[in-house]
C-alpha atoms as a PDB file:
ATOM      1  CA  MET A   1     141.388 -48.992 -21.546  1.00  0.00           C
ATOM      2  CA  SER A   2     140.163 -52.297 -20.172  1.00  0.00           C
ATOM      3  CA  SER A   3     140.633 -55.999 -20.038  1.00  0.00           C
ATOM      4  CA  ALA A   4     138.182 -58.935 -19.820  1.00  0.00           C
ATOM      5  CA  PRO A   5     139.575 -62.192 -18.434  1.00  0.00           C
ATOM      6  CA  LEU A   6     138.430 -65.505 -19.980  1.00  0.00           C
ATOM      7  CA  ILE A   7     136.679 -68.246 -18.085  1.00  0.00           C
ATOM      8  CA  ILE A   8     136.598 -71.931 -18.932  1.00  0.00           C
ATOM      9  CA  ILE A   9     133.335 -73.843 -18.664  1.00  0.00           C
ATOM     10  CA  ALA A  10     132.409 -77.481 -19.129  1.00  0.00           C
ATOM     11  CA  THR A  11     129.268 -79.300 -20.083  1.00  0.00           C
ATOM     12  CA  LYS A  12     127.416 -80.653 -17.062  1.00  0.00           C
ATOM     13  CA  SER A  13     128.116 -84.329 -17.857  1.00  0.00           C
ATOM     14  CA  LEU A  14     131.923 -83.951 -17.996  1.00  0.00           C
ATOM     15  CA  PRO A  15     133.472 -85.774 -15.054  1.00  0.00           C
ATOM     16  CA  ALA A  16     135.681 -82.881 -14.087  1.00  0.00           C
ATOM     17  CA  ASN A  17     134.749 -80.077 -11.712  1.00  0.00           C
ATOM     18  CA  ASN A  18     137.965 -78.034 -11.534  1.00  0.00           C
ATOM     19  CA  ILE A  19     141.214 -77.460 -13.516  1.00  0.00           C
ATOM     20  CA  GLN A  20     143.200 -80.281 -11.983  1.00  0.00           C
ATOM     21  CA  GLU A  21     140.404 -82.797 -12.656  1.00  0.00           C
ATOM     22  CA  LEU A  22     140.188 -81.558 -16.227  1.00  0.00           C
ATOM     23  CA  ILE A  23     143.978 -81.906 -16.684  1.00  0.00           C
ATOM     24  CA  THR A  24     143.796 -85.493 -15.321  1.00  0.00           C
ATOM     25  CA  LEU A  25     140.894 -86.418 -17.528  1.00  0.00           C
ATOM     26  CA  ALA A  26     142.434 -84.920 -20.690  1.00  0.00           C
ATOM     27  CA  LYS A  27     145.713 -86.793 -20.036  1.00  0.00           C
ATOM     28  CA  SER A  28     143.898 -90.059 -19.494  1.00  0.00           C
ATOM     29  CA  LYS A  29     142.026 -89.713 -22.809  1.00  0.00           C
ATOM     30  CA  PRO A  30     144.359 -88.005 -25.262  1.00  0.00           C
ATOM     31  CA  GLY A  31     142.567 -86.703 -28.328  1.00  0.00           C
ATOM     32  CA  SER A  32     139.083 -87.510 -27.066  1.00  0.00           C
ATOM     33  CA  LEU A  33     138.029 -84.277 -25.373  1.00  0.00           C
ATOM     34  CA  SER A  34     136.661 -81.483 -27.509  1.00  0.00           C
ATOM     35  CA  PHE A  35     136.890 -77.689 -26.962  1.00  0.00           C
ATOM     36  CA  ALA A  36     134.823 -75.038 -28.742  1.00  0.00           C
ATOM     37  CA  SER A  37     135.976 -71.519 -29.707  1.00  0.00           C
ATOM     38  CA  SER A  38     134.392 -68.492 -31.253  1.00  0.00           C
ATOM     39  CA  GLY A  39     136.653 -68.985 -34.294  1.00  0.00           C
ATOM     40  CA  VAL A  40     140.130 -69.913 -35.434  1.00  0.00           C
ATOM     41  CA  GLY A  41     142.631 -67.520 -33.995  1.00  0.00           C
ATOM     42  CA  ALA A  42     140.158 -65.858 -31.526  1.00  0.00           C
ATOM     43  CA  ALA A  43     141.222 -65.277 -27.997  1.00  0.00           C
ATOM     44  CA  ALA A  44     139.214 -68.308 -26.902  1.00  0.00           C
ATOM     45  CA  HIS A  45     141.081 -70.528 -29.355  1.00  0.00           C
ATOM     46  CA  LEU A  46     144.546 -69.217 -28.577  1.00  0.00           C
ATOM     47  CA  THR A  47     143.923 -69.391 -24.803  1.00  0.00           C
ATOM     48  CA  MET A  48     143.075 -73.108 -24.995  1.00  0.00           C
ATOM     49  CA  GLU A  49     146.104 -73.730 -27.228  1.00  0.00           C
ATOM     50  CA  MET A  50     148.242 -72.062 -24.600  1.00  0.00           C
ATOM     51  CA  PHE A  51     146.590 -74.231 -21.947  1.00  0.00           C
ATOM     52  CA  LYS A  52     147.244 -77.355 -23.934  1.00  0.00           C
ATOM     53  CA  SER A  53     150.805 -76.458 -24.671  1.00  0.00           C
ATOM     54  CA  ARG A  54     151.586 -75.541 -21.081  1.00  0.00           C
ATOM     55  CA  LEU A  55     150.149 -78.793 -19.767  1.00  0.00           C
ATOM     56  CA  GLY A  56     150.926 -81.231 -22.547  1.00  0.00           C
ATOM     57  CA  LEU A  57     147.306 -81.945 -23.432  1.00  0.00           C
ATOM     58  CA  ASP A  58     145.775 -83.343 -26.635  1.00  0.00           C
ATOM     59  CA  MET A  59     142.309 -82.026 -27.274  1.00  0.00           C
ATOM     60  CA  VAL A  60     140.202 -81.480 -30.408  1.00  0.00           C
ATOM     61  CA  HIS A  61     139.382 -77.920 -31.484  1.00  0.00           C
ATOM     62  CA  VAL A  62     135.910 -77.273 -32.863  1.00  0.00           C
ATOM     63  CA  PRO A  63     135.694 -73.636 -34.189  1.00  0.00           C
ATOM     64  CA  TYR A  64     132.390 -71.793 -34.436  1.00  0.00           C
ATOM     65  CA  LYS A  65     131.477 -68.454 -36.077  1.00  0.00           C
ATOM     66  CA  GLY A  66     131.029 -66.621 -32.833  1.00  0.00           C
ATOM     67  CA  THR A  67     130.444 -67.379 -29.172  1.00  0.00           C
ATOM     68  CA  ALA A  68     126.738 -68.084 -29.356  1.00  0.00           C
ATOM     69  CA  GLY A  69     127.010 -71.367 -31.302  1.00  0.00           C
ATOM     70  CA  ALA A  70     129.964 -72.586 -29.314  1.00  0.00           C
ATOM     71  CA  LEU A  71     128.109 -71.965 -26.032  1.00  0.00           C
ATOM     72  CA  GLN A  72     124.896 -73.534 -27.340  1.00  0.00           C
ATOM     73  CA  ASP A  73     126.689 -76.780 -28.226  1.00  0.00           C
ATOM     74  CA  THR A  74     128.536 -76.815 -24.888  1.00  0.00           C
ATOM     75  CA  VAL A  75     125.298 -76.410 -22.947  1.00  0.00           C
ATOM     76  CA  ALA A  76     123.755 -79.220 -25.144  1.00  0.00           C
ATOM     77  CA  GLY A  77     126.672 -81.526 -24.257  1.00  0.00           C
ATOM     78  CA  ASN A  78     127.977 -81.730 -27.870  1.00  0.00           C
ATOM     79  CA  ILE A  79     131.267 -80.090 -26.757  1.00  0.00           C
ATOM     80  CA  ASN A  80     133.221 -80.736 -23.554  1.00  0.00           C
ATOM     81  CA  VAL A  81     134.784 -77.407 -22.657  1.00  0.00           C
ATOM     82  CA  MET A  82     135.269 -73.869 -23.940  1.00  0.00           C
ATOM     83  CA  PHE A  83     137.008 -70.578 -23.007  1.00  0.00           C
ATOM     84  CA  ASP A  84     135.408 -67.199 -23.552  1.00  0.00           C
ATOM     85  CA  ILE A  85     134.727 -63.920 -21.716  1.00  0.00           C
ATOM     86  CA  VAL A  86     132.711 -63.959 -18.512  1.00  0.00           C
ATOM     87  CA  GLY A  87     129.755 -61.868 -19.754  1.00  0.00           C
ATOM     88  CA  PRO A  88     127.940 -64.424 -21.984  1.00  0.00           C
ATOM     89  CA  LEU A  89     129.028 -67.523 -20.065  1.00  0.00           C
ATOM     90  CA  MET A  90     128.279 -66.784 -16.426  1.00  0.00           C
ATOM     91  CA  PRO A  91     124.430 -66.609 -16.884  1.00  0.00           C
ATOM     92  CA  GLN A  92     124.592 -70.254 -18.130  1.00  0.00           C
ATOM     93  CA  VAL A  93     126.789 -71.189 -15.111  1.00  0.00           C
ATOM     94  CA  ILE A  94     124.417 -69.440 -12.709  1.00  0.00           C
ATOM     95  CA  ALA A  95     121.413 -71.181 -14.293  1.00  0.00           C
ATOM     96  CA  GLY A  96     123.173 -74.518 -13.794  1.00  0.00           C
ATOM     97  CA  ASN A  97     123.359 -75.320 -17.550  1.00  0.00           C
ATOM     98  CA  VAL A  98     127.185 -75.649 -17.485  1.00  0.00           C
ATOM     99  CA  LYS A  99     129.876 -75.553 -14.834  1.00  0.00           C
ATOM    100  CA  ALA A 100     132.747 -73.114 -14.453  1.00  0.00           C
ATOM    101  CA  LEU A 101     136.166 -74.747 -14.004  1.00  0.00           C
ATOM    102  CA  GLY A 102     138.435 -71.723 -13.706  1.00  0.00           C
ATOM    103  CA  LEU A 103     139.137 -68.088 -14.434  1.00  0.00           C
ATOM    104  CA  ALA A 104     142.220 -67.038 -16.523  1.00  0.00           C
ATOM    105  CA  ALA A 105     142.946 -64.003 -14.355  1.00  0.00           C
ATOM    106  CA  LYS A 106     145.357 -62.914 -11.669  1.00  0.00           C
ATOM    107  CA  GLU A 107     142.524 -62.764  -9.075  1.00  0.00           C
ATOM    108  CA  GLN A 108     138.902 -63.595  -8.754  1.00  0.00           C
ATOM    109  CA  ILE A 109     136.352 -61.088 -10.025  1.00  0.00           C
ATOM    110  CA  PRO A 110     132.881 -60.105  -8.772  1.00  0.00           C
ATOM    111  CA  ALA A 111     131.171 -61.090 -12.117  1.00  0.00           C
ATOM    112  CA  ALA A 112     132.234 -64.713 -11.570  1.00  0.00           C
ATOM    113  CA  PRO A 113     131.472 -65.222  -7.925  1.00  0.00           C
ATOM    114  CA  GLY A 114     133.154 -68.283  -6.338  1.00  0.00           C
ATOM    115  CA  VAL A 115     135.082 -69.184  -9.495  1.00  0.00           C
ATOM    116  CA  LYS A 116     138.749 -69.856  -8.611  1.00  0.00           C
ATOM    117  CA  THR A 117     141.487 -68.673 -10.917  1.00  0.00           C
ATOM    118  CA  ILE A 118     143.459 -71.137 -12.871  1.00  0.00           C
ATOM    119  CA  VAL A 119     146.553 -69.821 -11.093  1.00  0.00           C
ATOM    120  CA  GLU A 120     144.947 -70.660  -7.658  1.00  0.00           C
ATOM    121  CA  GLN A 121     144.394 -74.175  -9.056  1.00  0.00           C
ATOM    122  CA  GLY A 122     148.002 -74.882  -9.719  1.00  0.00           C
ATOM    123  CA  VAL A 123     148.893 -73.483 -13.180  1.00  0.00           C
ATOM    124  CA  PRO A 124     151.363 -70.633 -12.579  1.00  0.00           C
ATOM    125  CA  ASP A 125     150.897 -67.365 -14.411  1.00  0.00           C
ATOM    126  CA  PHE A 126     148.044 -68.544 -16.520  1.00  0.00           C
ATOM    127  CA  VAL A 127     146.350 -65.284 -17.416  1.00  0.00           C
ATOM    128  CA  SER A 128     144.384 -64.503 -20.609  1.00  0.00           C
ATOM    129  CA  GLY A 129     141.669 -62.274 -21.768  1.00  0.00           C
ATOM    130  CA  THR A 130     140.554 -59.761 -24.381  1.00  0.00           C
ATOM    131  CA  TRP A 131     141.328 -56.065 -24.120  1.00  0.00           C
ATOM    132  CA  ALA A 132     140.291 -52.781 -25.544  1.00  0.00           C
ATOM    133  CA  GLY A 133     142.535 -49.744 -26.267  1.00  0.00           C
ATOM    134  CA  ILE A 134     142.558 -46.555 -28.267  1.00  0.00           C
ATOM    135  CA  ILE A 135     144.959 -46.184 -31.216  1.00  0.00           C
ATOM    136  CA  ALA A 136     145.555 -43.382 -33.632  1.00  0.00           C
ATOM    137  CA  PRO A 137     147.534 -42.980 -36.926  1.00  0.00           C
ATOM    138  CA  ALA A 138     151.218 -42.481 -36.629  1.00  0.00           C
ATOM    139  CA  GLY A 139     152.192 -38.776 -36.555  1.00  0.00           C
ATOM    140  CA  VAL A 140     149.241 -37.596 -34.465  1.00  0.00           C
ATOM    141  CA  PRO A 141     150.616 -34.721 -32.214  1.00  0.00           C
ATOM    142  CA  ARG A 142     151.673 -35.797 -28.696  1.00  0.00           C
ATOM    143  CA  GLU A 143     149.396 -33.267 -27.103  1.00  0.00           C
ATOM    144  CA  ILE A 144     146.361 -34.804 -28.715  1.00  0.00           C
ATOM    145  CA  VAL A 145     147.468 -38.319 -27.741  1.00  0.00           C
ATOM    146  CA  ASP A 146     147.957 -37.094 -24.164  1.00  0.00           C
ATOM    147  CA  ARG A 147     144.560 -35.376 -24.075  1.00  0.00           C
ATOM    148  CA  VAL A 148     142.673 -38.434 -25.329  1.00  0.00           C
ATOM    149  CA  SER A 149     144.597 -40.646 -22.857  1.00  0.00           C
ATOM    150  CA  ALA A 150     143.790 -38.323 -19.910  1.00  0.00           C
ATOM    151  CA  GLU A 151     140.049 -38.135 -20.838  1.00  0.00           C
ATOM    152  CA  ALA A 152     139.756 -41.861 -21.284  1.00  0.00           C
ATOM    153  CA  LYS A 153     141.427 -42.394 -17.822  1.00  0.00           C
ATOM    154  CA  LYS A 154     139.013 -39.898 -16.291  1.00  0.00           C
ATOM    155  CA  ALA A 155     136.000 -41.676 -17.844  1.00  0.00           C
ATOM    156  CA  LEU A 156     137.218 -45.006 -16.596  1.00  0.00           C
ATOM    157  CA  ALA A 157     137.576 -43.708 -13.023  1.00  0.00           C
ATOM    158  CA  ASP A 158     133.892 -42.755 -12.917  1.00  0.00           C
ATOM    159  CA  PRO A 159     132.135 -44.960 -10.345  1.00  0.00           C
ATOM    160  CA  ALA A 160     129.125 -45.543 -12.554  1.00  0.00           C
ATOM    161  CA  MET A 161     131.219 -46.544 -15.523  1.00  0.00           C
ATOM    162  CA  LYS A 162     133.403 -48.774 -13.338  1.00  0.00           C
ATOM    163  CA  GLY A 163     130.325 -50.454 -11.937  1.00  0.00           C
ATOM    164  CA  LYS A 164     128.914 -51.265 -15.321  1.00  0.00           C
ATOM    165  CA  LEU A 165     132.214 -52.780 -16.417  1.00  0.00           C
ATOM    166  CA  VAL A 166     132.526 -54.832 -13.264  1.00  0.00           C
ATOM    167  CA  ASP A 167     129.096 -56.307 -13.744  1.00  0.00           C
ATOM    168  CA  GLN A 168     130.147 -57.525 -17.194  1.00  0.00           C
ATOM    169  CA  GLY A 169     133.435 -59.012 -15.996  1.00  0.00           C
ATOM    170  CA  ILE A 170     135.526 -56.183 -17.377  1.00  0.00           C
ATOM    171  CA  VAL A 171     138.377 -54.554 -15.500  1.00  0.00           C
ATOM    172  CA  ALA A 172     139.015 -50.870 -16.070  1.00  0.00           C
ATOM    173  CA  VAL A 173     142.769 -50.173 -16.706  1.00  0.00           C
ATOM    174  CA  GLY A 174     143.415 -46.756 -18.197  1.00  0.00           C
ATOM    175  CA  SER A 175     147.143 -47.007 -18.846  1.00  0.00           C
ATOM    176  CA  THR A 176     149.474 -44.420 -20.229  1.00  0.00           C
ATOM    177  CA  PRO A 177     150.488 -44.412 -23.963  1.00  0.00           C
ATOM    178  CA  GLU A 178     153.847 -45.843 -23.038  1.00  0.00           C
ATOM    179  CA  GLU A 179     152.380 -48.555 -20.864  1.00  0.00           C
ATOM    180  CA  PHE A 180     149.882 -49.472 -23.607  1.00  0.00           C
ATOM    181  CA  ARG A 181     152.753 -49.646 -26.236  1.00  0.00           C
ATOM    182  CA  ALA A 182     154.781 -52.002 -23.972  1.00  0.00           C
ATOM    183  CA  PHE A 183     151.610 -54.101 -23.269  1.00  0.00           C
ATOM    184  CA  VAL A 184     150.917 -54.548 -26.974  1.00  0.00           C
ATOM    185  CA  ALA A 185     154.471 -55.530 -27.660  1.00  0.00           C
ATOM    186  CA  ASP A 186     154.274 -58.220 -24.955  1.00  0.00           C
ATOM    187  CA  GLU A 187     150.913 -59.475 -26.302  1.00  0.00           C
ATOM    188  CA  ILE A 188     152.380 -59.782 -29.850  1.00  0.00           C
ATOM    189  CA  ALA A 189     155.373 -61.763 -28.588  1.00  0.00           C
ATOM    190  CA  ARG A 190     153.284 -64.021 -26.322  1.00  0.00           C
ATOM    191  CA  TRP A 191     150.601 -64.927 -28.842  1.00  0.00           C
ATOM    192  CA  ALA A 192     153.035 -65.242 -31.706  1.00  0.00           C
ATOM    193  CA  LYS A 193     154.716 -68.117 -29.835  1.00  0.00           C
ATOM    194  CA  VAL A 194     151.352 -69.840 -29.138  1.00  0.00           C
ATOM    195  CA  ILE A 195     150.350 -69.455 -32.857  1.00  0.00           C
ATOM    196  CA  LYS A 196     153.659 -70.783 -34.019  1.00  0.00           C
ATOM    197  CA  ASP A 197     153.791 -73.677 -31.544  1.00  0.00           C
ATOM    198  CA  ALA A 198     150.230 -74.789 -32.447  1.00  0.00           C
ATOM    199  CA  ASN A 199     150.792 -74.141 -36.185  1.00  0.00           C
ATOM    200  CA  ILE A 200     147.602 -72.077 -36.422  1.00  0.00           C
ATOM    201  CA  LYS A 201     146.897 -70.811 -39.907  1.00  0.00           C
ATOM    202  CA  ALA A 202     144.612 -67.906 -40.871  1.00  0.00           C
ATOM    203  CA  VAL A 203     141.237 -68.984 -42.339  1.00  0.00           C
ATOM    204  CA  GLU A 204     140.429 -67.378 -45.671  1.00  0.00           C
END
């Protein structure tokens, strides 16, 4: 149905104002920079692990139980950087409490005005976000699947709905069942590699 790209922010005191400066800083101080996440295995955590792996960085993960605590400590300067969805982070950027370094999307979005994508800043194909879709038990008749899919697509095309989503940094998609199945398969393969490479274990 929709996707919400992640944005990376930094505490105000960090001597890095864009992605390339963050990469340079992290490489000059391996193991000294910290990053917060909303929890082990969350999209925010996995996205930073993918970022670290792609660029050969050594940074310390500090997991929280949700975005609020992670954001609070980043604003306070206790944490250097964090990834999360645009909605809860941009108000802090606009207020000048933290700085936005880059957007993990194919293109810039209205909800994060002026924030360049990580791709634009020299990291090819670096796209990550959360997404929402509709699933049903196996065996549901195809006509029901098609009807629900069509109605969802219709709702997402509504200008008022689209406007509300855009304001929150969410992109309406409305794919077909076949496109969604292929997308999920790609997501499983992509994140399985990140999890394996970073040796991430589920928290009991």
